[in-house]
Amino acid sequence: MKQVATILIIAASVSCLPAAPLDPNSPVSKDRRETAEHLGNQGTEAIPQLTKFLADSDPTVRLEAVKSIIKIDTEQSLAPLIQATNDNTAEVQIWATAGLVNFYLPGYVQTGFRGSLRRAETSFKSLFTDTDDQVIDAFVVPKPEVIQALGRLVRGGASMDSRAAAARALGILRGKAAVEDLIQAIFSKDTQVMYECLIALQKIGDASAGPKVMFLMNDPDKRVRLAAIETAGLLRNKEALPQLRDILRRSGNKDVRRAALSSIAMVADPADHDLFRRYLDNKDAGLRAAAAEGLGRLGNPGDLGLLENAFENEEKNDARVSIAFSLVMLGKVEISELSPLQYLVNTLNSSARAGLAAPLLTEAARKPIVLRALEKVVFQGTRDEKIYLAQVFGRSGDKNTVTVLEKLSHDPDLKVAERALRAFQSLSARFP
């Protein structure tokens, strides 16, 4: 027993000894790396020391410094992260890019980036496997130097992965000042970079980019080709219409044909009125949906009876959402059990189709008559309806909607209140 007690006393004494001091100037990389990791727990005052580590000869030390700077996550983190985008190692550039996004979109490193501050990944291909739909709120305005740094990186990163990551970041941050950088990066001929650049241009929404990327609608890579076709529609590129019509006519791929008709419908040229009517009874539900949206945007009262009949007889819910949108665009804004507008609102409760209904409601709500109708029903809505309608109001509301969102931000459901508050801030930025 005496011997055991002695061992315990010795163990306790050893555990109380101070840890070996961290040495930022140690010749051993492991020591410097551990010091950089430790500094991430020290807060803003550690940033000057971490910034020095960005010049370390060992890329693993520089990477650890970047992760610690991200972990601190204050405005003082931005300058060293911008500096790190100039690193000659792709992994450091990618983490620095993620850190810049994370400052403006909290949680991005943990969720959107699919990483962790505790894990260093050697391959970043998994970052680009899914379409990214993240974007900052309208009231969030990144510093110009952040967009400038990412623009440089998308044109000349250390690897195609780091360039693709920069393109994705520019889309999330709505980096309009980097549009020309994104267009230049498209000529990298790397499919992942081209794809990410197209998605970024869609999010930024600068119509001037449309004619400059329409050549990609014939790209041999299907994902790039589809993204380019969608970009033509989202940027309302009328110059692309002849090519889109030709793709619709000639392509044997149903996804490509659907994308082509959807983009034609987004541009909504009156010259395509007969085309939309012709496709409204096509056997392909995706083509019927696109045709209905085109007719809705054209707003020809003579199509009302045709669309009402289509709405009543449509068996595919996805297409029915689009037909309901077209009827709302033509003035059917009454709220009743079987009305098109109520159908769109109800669809916000569907995990499978809310992503279809919400953008269409956002577009329809740009019409004041639709906006007023939605404002009247939001407070009686379900949780999902309130959340999605708050998003719609934040993007398409007017001065009157600010008051609606302010009231909704006090909803007893915290998720509803949080979404309404963000929408309120976005709309207030437009109508101070």
Protein backbone atom coordinates (compact mmCIF):
# COMPACT_ATOMS: atom_id res chain seq x y z
CA MET A 1 0.00 0.00 0.00
CA LYS A 2 2.86 2.29 0.89
CA GLN A 3 4.45 1.64 -2.49
CA VAL A 4 1.19 2.40 -4.33
CA ALA A 5 0.76 5.64 -2.40
CA THR A 6 4.29 6.68 -3.34
CA ILE A 7 3.57 6.02 -7.03
CA LEU A 8 0.39 8.08 -6.85
CA ILE A 9 2.22 10.97 -5.19
CA ILE A 10 4.91 10.90 -7.89
CA ALA A 11 2.29 10.78 -10.64
CA ALA A 12 0.45 13.70 -9.12
CA SER A 13 3.66 15.67 -8.86
CA VAL A 14 4.50 15.01 -12.49
CA SER A 15 1.02 16.06 -13.61
CA CYS A 16 1.43 19.37 -11.80
CA LEU A 17 4.66 20.22 -13.58
CA PRO A 18 4.32 23.07 -16.10
CA ALA A 19 4.11 22.04 -19.75
CA ALA A 20 7.14 22.60 -21.89
CA PRO A 21 7.02 26.17 -23.22
CA LEU A 22 5.87 26.58 -26.81
CA ASP A 23 8.62 27.87 -29.06
CA PRO A 24 7.61 29.71 -32.24
CA ASN A 25 11.29 29.79 -33.27
CA SER A 26 11.95 26.09 -32.74
CA PRO A 27 13.92 24.43 -35.56
CA VAL A 28 11.48 21.51 -35.30
CA SER A 29 8.41 21.88 -37.53
CA LYS A 30 6.25 19.89 -35.14
CA ASP A 31 6.93 22.38 -32.35
CA ARG A 32 6.06 25.36 -34.52
CA ARG A 33 2.94 23.62 -35.76
CA GLU A 34 1.81 22.92 -32.18
CA THR A 35 2.50 26.53 -31.26
CA ALA A 36 0.35 27.74 -34.17
CA GLU A 37 -2.44 25.40 -33.09
CA HIS A 38 -2.18 26.59 -29.47
CA LEU A 39 -2.38 30.25 -30.53
CA GLY A 40 -5.79 29.59 -32.05
CA ASN A 41 -7.15 29.49 -28.49
CA GLN A 42 -5.69 32.84 -27.53
CA GLY A 43 -8.06 35.16 -29.36
CA THR A 44 -7.42 38.27 -31.43
CA GLU A 45 -4.18 39.16 -29.63
CA ALA A 46 -2.56 36.06 -31.16
CA ILE A 47 -3.12 37.16 -34.76
CA PRO A 48 0.21 39.08 -35.13
CA GLN A 49 2.16 35.97 -34.09
CA LEU A 50 0.05 33.75 -36.34
CA THR A 51 0.61 36.14 -39.23
CA LYS A 52 4.37 35.59 -38.83
CA PHE A 53 3.81 31.87 -39.21
CA LEU A 54 2.36 32.51 -42.69
CA ALA A 55 5.96 33.00 -43.84
CA ASP A 56 7.16 29.71 -42.31
CA SER A 57 9.17 27.45 -44.61
CA ASP A 58 7.00 24.43 -43.75
CA PRO A 59 3.56 24.45 -45.46
CA THR A 60 2.07 22.35 -42.64
CA VAL A 61 2.94 25.13 -40.18
CA ARG A 62 1.41 27.75 -42.47
CA LEU A 63 -1.71 25.61 -42.80
CA GLU A 64 -2.06 25.29 -39.03
CA ALA A 65 -1.66 29.05 -38.70
CA VAL A 66 -4.47 29.61 -41.22
CA LYS A 67 -6.75 27.21 -39.33
CA SER A 68 -6.07 29.05 -36.09
CA ILE A 69 -6.78 32.41 -37.72
CA ILE A 70 -10.09 30.99 -39.00
CA LYS A 71 -10.86 29.72 -35.51
CA ILE A 72 -10.36 33.19 -34.03
CA ASP A 73 -12.75 34.52 -36.70
CA THR A 74 -12.77 38.26 -36.13
CA GLU A 75 -12.44 41.14 -38.56
CA GLN A 76 -8.72 41.14 -37.73
CA SER A 77 -8.58 37.66 -39.30
CA LEU A 78 -9.33 39.00 -42.77
CA ALA A 79 -5.98 40.62 -43.59
CA PRO A 80 -3.85 37.53 -42.78
CA LEU A 81 -6.32 35.28 -44.60
CA ILE A 82 -6.06 37.51 -47.66
CA GLN A 83 -2.29 37.21 -47.33
CA ALA A 84 -2.60 33.42 -47.17
CA THR A 85 -4.46 33.32 -50.49
CA ASN A 86 -1.08 34.21 -52.03
CA ASP A 87 0.56 31.09 -50.57
CA ASN A 88 2.19 28.74 -53.07
CA THR A 89 0.48 25.68 -51.58
CA ALA A 90 -3.01 24.83 -52.78
CA GLU A 91 -4.18 23.46 -49.44
CA VAL A 92 -3.28 26.70 -47.68
CA GLN A 93 -5.05 28.72 -50.37
CA ILE A 94 -8.21 26.60 -50.09
CA TRP A 95 -8.38 26.92 -46.30
CA ALA A 96 -7.73 30.67 -46.51
CA THR A 97 -10.57 30.95 -49.02
CA ALA A 98 -12.89 29.00 -46.72
CA GLY A 99 -11.89 31.28 -43.85
CA LEU A 100 -12.81 34.40 -45.79
CA VAL A 101 -16.22 32.94 -46.61
CA ASN A 102 -16.69 31.78 -43.03
CA PHE A 103 -16.36 35.34 -41.71
CA TYR A 104 -19.32 36.47 -43.84
CA LEU A 105 -21.23 33.17 -43.69
CA PRO A 106 -20.67 31.78 -40.18
CA GLY A 107 -20.47 28.00 -40.05
CA TYR A 108 -19.25 27.59 -43.64
CA VAL A 109 -16.02 25.88 -42.62
CA GLN A 110 -17.92 23.34 -40.56
CA THR A 111 -20.75 22.66 -43.02
CA GLY A 112 -20.31 24.05 -46.53
CA PHE A 113 -16.59 23.39 -46.56
CA ARG A 114 -17.06 19.85 -45.23
CA GLY A 115 -14.04 20.19 -43.08
CA SER A 116 -13.09 20.73 -39.49
CA LEU A 117 -10.56 22.94 -37.77
CA ARG A 118 -9.17 19.74 -36.30
CA ARG A 119 -8.67 17.89 -39.57
CA ALA A 120 -6.35 18.56 -42.49
CA GLU A 121 -7.47 16.96 -45.73
CA THR A 122 -5.11 16.02 -48.51
CA SER A 123 -7.79 15.84 -51.20
CA PHE A 124 -10.47 18.45 -51.81
CA LYS A 125 -12.38 16.79 -54.65
CA SER A 126 -15.25 16.03 -52.27
CA LEU A 127 -15.82 19.76 -51.85
CA PHE A 128 -17.20 20.01 -55.34
CA THR A 129 -19.44 16.97 -55.62
CA ASP A 130 -22.75 18.78 -55.04
CA THR A 131 -24.25 21.95 -56.41
CA ASP A 132 -23.67 24.64 -53.83
CA ASP A 133 -26.69 26.86 -53.18
CA GLN A 134 -25.25 28.93 -50.34
CA VAL A 135 -25.13 32.71 -50.62
CA ILE A 136 -24.79 35.54 -48.13
CA ASP A 137 -27.75 37.72 -47.21
CA ALA A 138 -28.20 40.92 -49.18
CA PHE A 139 -27.31 43.13 -46.20
CA VAL A 140 -23.89 41.48 -45.86
CA VAL A 141 -21.27 43.37 -47.90
CA PRO A 142 -17.77 41.85 -48.13
CA LYS A 143 -14.76 44.15 -48.14
CA PRO A 144 -13.51 44.97 -51.65
CA GLU A 145 -10.06 43.59 -50.86
CA VAL A 146 -11.58 40.19 -50.07
CA ILE A 147 -13.26 39.99 -53.48
CA GLN A 148 -10.09 41.26 -55.15
CA ALA A 149 -7.99 38.55 -53.47
CA LEU A 150 -10.41 35.82 -54.51
CA GLY A 151 -10.50 37.22 -58.04
CA ARG A 152 -6.72 36.90 -58.27
CA LEU A 153 -6.91 33.39 -56.91
CA VAL A 154 -9.58 32.18 -59.34
CA ARG A 155 -7.34 33.27 -62.21
CA GLY A 156 -4.03 31.98 -60.88
CA GLY A 157 -4.32 29.64 -57.91
CA ALA A 158 -1.70 27.02 -57.13
CA SER A 159 -4.00 24.26 -58.37
CA MET A 160 -7.29 23.84 -60.19
CA ASP A 161 -8.85 22.84 -56.86
CA SER A 162 -7.87 26.15 -55.27
CA ARG A 163 -9.16 28.05 -58.29
CA ALA A 164 -12.47 26.17 -58.13
CA ALA A 165 -12.72 26.91 -54.40
CA ALA A 166 -12.16 30.61 -55.09
CA ALA A 167 -14.87 30.59 -57.77
CA ARG A 168 -17.32 28.99 -55.36
CA ALA A 169 -16.41 31.58 -52.72
CA LEU A 170 -17.03 34.44 -55.14
CA GLY A 171 -20.50 33.09 -55.84
CA ILE A 172 -21.35 32.77 -52.17
CA LEU A 173 -20.10 36.30 -51.50
CA ARG A 174 -21.80 37.73 -54.62
CA GLY A 175 -18.47 39.13 -55.77
CA LYS A 176 -19.65 41.28 -58.66
CA ALA A 177 -16.31 43.09 -58.88
CA ALA A 178 -14.70 39.76 -59.84
CA VAL A 179 -16.99 38.95 -62.78
CA GLU A 180 -14.22 39.46 -65.32
CA ASP A 181 -11.89 37.28 -63.23
CA LEU A 182 -14.48 34.49 -63.33
CA ILE A 183 -14.87 34.84 -67.09
CA GLN A 184 -11.11 34.65 -67.57
CA ALA A 185 -10.93 31.59 -65.32
CA ILE A 186 -13.43 29.79 -67.56
CA PHE A 187 -10.70 29.58 -70.20
CA SER A 188 -8.69 27.33 -67.86
CA LYS A 189 -10.42 24.45 -69.70
CA ASP A 190 -10.72 22.62 -66.37
CA THR A 191 -14.29 21.32 -66.09
CA GLN A 192 -14.56 21.85 -62.34
CA VAL A 193 -13.30 25.43 -62.54
CA MET A 194 -15.60 26.19 -65.48
CA TYR A 195 -18.58 24.73 -63.65
CA GLU A 196 -17.92 26.64 -60.42
CA CYS A 197 -17.42 29.87 -62.38
CA LEU A 198 -20.79 29.43 -64.08
CA ILE A 199 -22.58 28.80 -60.79
CA ALA A 200 -20.86 31.87 -59.31
CA LEU A 201 -22.00 34.01 -62.23
CA GLN A 202 -25.56 32.77 -61.71
CA LYS A 203 -25.46 33.85 -58.08
CA ILE A 204 -23.92 37.23 -58.86
CA GLY A 205 -26.53 37.86 -61.52
CA ASP A 206 -24.60 40.32 -63.70
CA ALA A 207 -26.38 40.17 -67.06
CA SER A 208 -23.30 41.48 -68.88
CA ALA A 209 -21.62 38.10 -68.34
CA GLY A 210 -24.29 36.20 -70.28
CA PRO A 211 -23.03 36.66 -73.84
CA LYS A 212 -19.45 35.98 -72.76
CA VAL A 213 -20.10 32.45 -71.52
CA MET A 214 -22.77 31.22 -73.93
CA PHE A 215 -20.13 29.34 -75.97
CA LEU A 216 -20.08 26.79 -73.14
CA MET A 217 -23.62 25.66 -74.05
CA ASN A 218 -21.91 23.25 -76.47
CA ASP A 219 -19.21 22.08 -74.05
CA PRO A 220 -18.52 18.32 -74.23
CA ASP A 221 -18.89 17.97 -70.45
CA LYS A 222 -22.60 17.54 -69.69
CA ARG A 223 -22.48 19.25 -66.29
CA VAL A 224 -20.75 22.31 -67.73
CA ARG A 225 -23.13 22.34 -70.70
CA LEU A 226 -26.21 22.22 -68.47
CA ALA A 227 -24.83 24.95 -66.20
CA ALA A 228 -24.11 27.15 -69.21
CA ILE A 229 -27.63 26.63 -70.58
CA GLU A 230 -29.12 27.49 -67.17
CA THR A 231 -26.86 30.55 -66.92
CA ALA A 232 -28.22 31.88 -70.22
CA GLY A 233 -31.71 31.82 -68.78
CA LEU A 234 -30.91 33.10 -65.32
CA LEU A 235 -28.99 36.05 -66.79
CA ARG A 236 -31.81 36.68 -69.30
CA ASN A 237 -29.43 36.47 -72.24
CA LYS A 238 -31.53 37.14 -75.35
CA GLU A 239 -28.50 36.62 -77.58
CA ALA A 240 -28.54 32.96 -76.58
CA LEU A 241 -32.12 32.33 -77.76
CA PRO A 242 -31.31 31.08 -81.29
CA GLN A 243 -28.78 28.64 -79.89
CA LEU A 244 -31.14 27.54 -77.12
CA ARG A 245 -33.91 26.87 -79.63
CA ASP A 246 -31.50 24.85 -81.74
CA ILE A 247 -30.43 22.80 -78.69
CA LEU A 248 -34.07 22.14 -77.83
CA ARG A 249 -34.76 21.00 -81.37
CA ARG A 250 -31.67 18.85 -81.91
CA SER A 251 -30.67 17.37 -78.55
CA GLY A 252 -31.65 13.83 -77.74
CA ASN A 253 -30.91 14.23 -74.03
CA LYS A 254 -33.98 14.99 -71.93
CA ASP A 255 -32.03 16.92 -69.28
CA VAL A 256 -30.46 19.15 -71.90
CA ARG A 257 -33.82 19.75 -73.60
CA ARG A 258 -35.50 20.60 -70.30
CA ALA A 259 -32.71 23.03 -69.43
CA ALA A 260 -32.93 24.64 -72.86
CA LEU A 261 -36.70 25.18 -72.69
CA SER A 262 -36.46 26.39 -69.09
CA SER A 263 -33.92 29.01 -70.14
CA ILE A 264 -36.02 30.06 -73.12
CA ALA A 265 -38.91 30.44 -70.67
CA MET A 266 -36.80 32.59 -68.34
CA VAL A 267 -35.93 34.98 -71.16
CA ALA A 268 -39.63 34.93 -72.18
CA ASP A 269 -39.46 36.44 -75.65
CA PRO A 270 -42.93 36.92 -77.21
CA ALA A 271 -41.58 35.22 -80.31
CA ASP A 272 -41.64 31.95 -78.35
CA HIS A 273 -45.32 32.15 -77.39
CA ASP A 274 -46.40 29.44 -79.85
CA LEU A 275 -43.43 27.30 -78.81
CA PHE A 276 -44.61 27.37 -75.17
CA ARG A 277 -48.20 26.53 -76.12
CA ARG A 278 -46.98 23.62 -78.21
CA TYR A 279 -44.94 22.13 -75.37
CA LEU A 280 -47.65 22.61 -72.74
CA ASP A 281 -49.09 19.18 -73.54
CA ASN A 282 -45.77 17.42 -74.17
CA LYS A 283 -45.47 13.92 -72.71
CA ASP A 284 -42.39 15.04 -70.71
CA ALA A 285 -43.48 16.71 -67.45
CA GLY A 286 -40.29 18.78 -67.26
CA LEU A 287 -40.98 20.30 -70.67
CA ARG A 288 -44.61 20.95 -69.72
CA ALA A 289 -43.43 22.77 -66.60
CA ALA A 290 -40.98 24.95 -68.52
CA ALA A 291 -43.59 25.79 -71.15
CA ALA A 292 -46.09 26.83 -68.47
CA GLU A 293 -43.54 29.12 -66.83
CA GLY A 294 -42.82 30.75 -70.16
CA LEU A 295 -46.51 31.45 -70.74
CA GLY A 296 -46.83 32.86 -67.25
CA ARG A 297 -43.97 35.28 -67.80
CA LEU A 298 -45.37 36.41 -71.13
CA GLY A 299 -48.64 37.22 -69.35
CA ASN A 300 -50.98 36.86 -72.33
CA PRO A 301 -54.61 36.85 -70.99
CA GLY A 302 -55.60 34.66 -73.91
CA ASP A 303 -53.67 31.77 -72.36
CA LEU A 304 -55.66 31.78 -69.11
CA GLY A 305 -58.21 29.15 -70.14
CA LEU A 306 -55.53 26.86 -71.54
CA LEU A 307 -53.50 27.08 -68.31
CA GLU A 308 -56.53 26.59 -66.06
CA ASN A 309 -57.34 23.40 -67.94
CA ALA A 310 -53.72 22.26 -67.66
CA PHE A 311 -53.71 22.96 -63.91
CA GLU A 312 -56.87 20.93 -63.38
CA ASN A 313 -55.63 17.93 -65.36
CA GLU A 314 -51.92 17.86 -64.51
CA GLU A 315 -50.97 14.68 -62.63
CA LYS A 316 -47.30 15.44 -61.95
CA ASN A 317 -46.87 17.67 -58.91
CA ASP A 318 -43.63 19.29 -60.15
CA ALA A 319 -45.33 20.43 -63.36
CA ARG A 320 -48.42 21.50 -61.42
CA VAL A 321 -46.26 23.87 -59.35
CA SER A 322 -45.10 25.57 -62.55
CA ILE A 323 -48.63 25.81 -63.95
CA ALA A 324 -49.84 27.32 -60.67
CA PHE A 325 -47.08 29.92 -60.98
CA SER A 326 -48.19 30.80 -64.50
CA LEU A 327 -51.77 31.30 -63.34
CA VAL A 328 -50.63 33.54 -60.48
CA MET A 329 -48.60 35.58 -62.97
CA LEU A 330 -51.76 35.98 -65.04
CA GLY A 331 -53.62 37.44 -62.07
CA LYS A 332 -55.10 34.45 -60.23
CA VAL A 333 -54.08 35.66 -56.77
CA GLU A 334 -57.10 34.72 -54.68
CA ILE A 335 -56.46 32.60 -51.61
CA SER A 336 -58.84 29.66 -51.36
CA GLU A 337 -58.60 25.94 -50.83
CA LEU A 338 -58.06 25.04 -54.49
CA SER A 339 -56.53 28.27 -55.81
CA PRO A 340 -53.14 28.27 -57.61
CA LEU A 341 -51.57 30.71 -55.14
CA GLN A 342 -52.70 28.63 -52.16
CA TYR A 343 -51.29 25.56 -53.91
CA LEU A 344 -47.89 27.25 -54.19
CA VAL A 345 -47.97 28.26 -50.52
CA ASN A 346 -49.00 24.75 -49.48
CA THR A 347 -46.13 23.31 -51.49
CA LEU A 348 -43.68 25.10 -49.19
CA ASN A 349 -44.45 22.32 -46.69
CA SER A 350 -43.12 19.67 -49.07
CA SER A 351 -39.46 18.77 -48.61
CA ALA A 352 -39.46 17.46 -52.18
CA ARG A 353 -40.95 20.51 -53.87
CA ALA A 354 -40.41 23.53 -51.61
CA GLY A 355 -37.25 24.23 -53.59
CA LEU A 356 -39.38 24.56 -56.72
CA ALA A 357 -42.14 26.68 -55.21
CA ALA A 358 -40.03 29.18 -53.26
CA PRO A 359 -38.11 30.65 -56.25
CA LEU A 360 -41.30 30.90 -58.27
CA LEU A 361 -43.07 32.68 -55.42
CA THR A 362 -40.06 34.99 -55.12
CA GLU A 363 -40.46 35.91 -58.78
CA ALA A 364 -44.24 36.24 -58.62
CA ALA A 365 -44.03 38.42 -55.49
CA ARG A 366 -42.34 41.13 -57.53
CA LYS A 367 -45.88 41.92 -58.63
CA PRO A 368 -47.42 44.06 -55.84
CA ILE A 369 -50.78 42.29 -56.10
CA VAL A 370 -49.12 38.93 -55.38
CA LEU A 371 -46.96 40.40 -52.60
CA ARG A 372 -49.98 41.86 -50.82
CA ALA A 373 -51.82 38.53 -51.02
CA LEU A 374 -48.87 36.67 -49.47
CA GLU A 375 -48.50 39.25 -46.71
CA LYS A 376 -52.10 38.56 -45.67
CA VAL A 377 -51.60 34.80 -45.25
CA VAL A 378 -48.13 34.57 -43.73
CA PHE A 379 -49.16 34.91 -40.08
CA GLN A 380 -51.63 32.03 -40.36
CA GLY A 381 -49.10 29.83 -42.12
CA THR A 382 -47.26 26.76 -40.92
CA ARG A 383 -43.70 26.97 -39.70
CA ASP A 384 -42.26 26.10 -43.13
CA GLU A 385 -44.59 28.52 -44.88
CA LYS A 386 -43.49 31.34 -42.59
CA ILE A 387 -39.80 30.55 -43.07
CA TYR A 388 -40.01 30.38 -46.86
CA LEU A 389 -42.29 33.40 -47.17
CA ALA A 390 -39.89 35.42 -45.01
CA GLN A 391 -37.21 34.52 -47.54
CA VAL A 392 -39.51 35.55 -50.39
CA PHE A 393 -40.26 38.87 -48.68
CA GLY A 394 -36.58 39.56 -48.05
CA ARG A 395 -35.85 39.24 -51.76
CA SER A 396 -38.99 40.64 -53.38
CA GLY A 397 -40.63 42.81 -50.74
CA ASP A 398 -41.19 46.57 -50.82
CA LYS A 399 -41.33 49.26 -48.14
CA ASN A 400 -44.65 47.99 -46.81
CA THR A 401 -43.18 44.52 -46.33
CA VAL A 402 -40.58 45.82 -43.88
CA THR A 403 -43.32 46.17 -41.26
CA VAL A 404 -44.60 42.65 -41.96
CA LEU A 405 -41.13 41.17 -41.46
CA GLU A 406 -40.54 43.18 -38.32
CA LYS A 407 -43.69 41.67 -36.82
CA LEU A 408 -42.79 38.19 -38.04
CA SER A 409 -39.34 38.49 -36.41
CA HIS A 410 -41.14 38.27 -33.04
CA ASP A 411 -42.72 34.91 -33.88
CA PRO A 412 -42.59 32.48 -30.94
CA ASP A 413 -40.89 29.91 -33.17
CA LEU A 414 -37.19 30.82 -32.97
CA LYS A 415 -36.36 29.51 -36.45
CA VAL A 416 -39.15 31.57 -37.97
CA ALA A 417 -38.06 34.63 -35.99
CA GLU A 418 -34.41 34.20 -37.05
CA ARG A 419 -35.27 33.85 -40.75
CA ALA A 420 -37.65 36.83 -40.56
CA LEU A 421 -35.00 38.96 -38.86
CA ARG A 422 -32.46 38.20 -41.56
CA ALA A 423 -35.03 39.03 -44.24
CA PHE A 424 -35.93 42.21 -42.36
CA GLN A 425 -32.27 43.25 -42.34
CA SER A 426 -31.92 42.53 -46.07
CA LEU A 427 -35.04 44.47 -46.96
CA SER A 428 -34.22 47.34 -44.61
CA ALA A 429 -30.87 47.71 -46.38
CA ARG A 430 -32.77 48.33 -49.63
CA PHE A 431 -35.42 50.59 -48.05
CA PRO A 432 -33.69 52.40 -45.16
